[in-house]
Amino acid sequence: MPSNQTTKSDASRIQSSQARGGKDMSSGGFAARAQAAADRNANVASSKTGSSHGPSSGTQQSGQQSTPGKR
């Protein structure tokens, strides 16, 4: 990964620093944007290497849960 792209480690440091400083931790804040950039960069890197970390790689889980007595 080029050195000018945000990594997940970079995003983690940014989030930690922002939280300790009492800064904006909302979904539109800098920490969230850094995390989104890191996620995008990781997805691009994994698609180039052919690895997949998504739900389709491996076991499948159903989104339904049964609750006894309720229908």
Protein backbone atom coordinates (compact mmCIF):
# COMPACT_ATOMS: atom_id res chain seq x y z
CA MET A 1 0.00 0.00 0.00
CA PRO A 2 1.38 3.42 -0.90
CA SER A 3 2.57 5.41 2.09
CA ASN A 4 0.04 8.21 1.48
CA GLN A 5 -3.00 5.98 2.05
CA THR A 6 -4.68 5.64 5.42
CA THR A 7 -4.28 2.20 7.00
CA LYS A 8 -6.48 0.60 9.64
CA SER A 9 -3.68 1.23 12.12
CA ASP A 10 -3.66 4.92 11.18
CA ALA A 11 -7.44 5.11 11.62
CA SER A 12 -7.17 3.43 15.02
CA ARG A 13 -4.62 5.99 16.20
CA ILE A 14 -6.79 8.84 14.91
CA GLN A 15 -9.90 7.50 16.64
CA SER A 16 -8.05 7.00 19.90
CA SER A 17 -6.57 10.48 19.80
CA GLN A 18 -9.89 12.10 18.94
CA ALA A 19 -11.71 10.23 21.72
CA ARG A 20 -9.07 11.07 24.34
CA GLY A 21 -9.22 14.72 23.32
CA GLY A 22 -13.00 14.88 23.58
CA LYS A 23 -13.32 15.65 19.88
CA ASP A 24 -16.19 14.93 17.49
CA MET A 25 -16.80 11.16 17.38
CA SER A 26 -19.96 11.38 15.25
CA SER A 27 -20.42 9.56 11.98
CA GLY A 28 -19.45 12.74 10.12
CA GLY A 29 -16.35 13.48 12.17
CA PHE A 30 -12.71 13.18 11.16
CA ALA A 31 -12.22 9.85 12.95
CA ALA A 32 -15.14 8.28 11.07
CA ARG A 33 -13.86 9.60 7.75
CA ALA A 34 -10.40 8.21 8.51
CA GLN A 35 -11.95 4.82 9.30
CA ALA A 36 -13.94 4.87 6.06
CA ALA A 37 -10.80 5.69 4.07
CA ALA A 38 -8.88 2.88 5.78
CA ASP A 39 -11.71 0.45 5.03
CA ARG A 40 -11.79 1.50 1.38
CA ASN A 41 -8.02 1.14 1.10
CA ALA A 42 -8.10 -2.30 2.74
CA ASN A 43 -10.89 -3.42 0.39
CA VAL A 44 -8.93 -2.25 -2.66
CA ALA A 45 -5.81 -4.00 -1.41
CA SER A 46 -7.65 -7.25 -0.70
CA SER A 47 -9.41 -7.22 -4.08
CA LYS A 48 -6.04 -6.90 -5.81
CA THR A 49 -4.65 -9.91 -3.93
CA GLY A 50 -7.82 -11.94 -4.35
CA SER A 51 -8.43 -12.46 -0.65
CA SER A 52 -11.91 -12.03 0.75
CA HIS A 53 -12.91 -11.30 4.32
CA GLY A 54 -16.61 -10.85 3.66
CA PRO A 55 -19.53 -13.04 4.70
CA SER A 56 -19.38 -15.05 1.48
CA SER A 57 -16.00 -16.57 2.37
CA GLY A 58 -16.70 -19.53 4.58
CA THR A 59 -19.73 -20.38 6.62
CA GLN A 60 -23.05 -18.72 6.05
CA GLN A 61 -25.18 -17.40 8.86
CA SER A 62 -28.89 -16.87 8.75
CA GLY A 63 -30.19 -13.45 9.78
CA GLN A 64 -33.24 -15.05 11.38
CA GLN A 65 -33.47 -15.94 15.02
CA SER A 66 -36.23 -17.97 16.58
CA THR A 67 -37.94 -16.68 19.66
CA PRO A 68 -39.91 -19.34 21.53
CA GLY A 69 -43.56 -18.47 21.96
CA LYS A 70 -43.62 -15.56 19.49
CA ARG A 71 -44.83 -15.74 15.93
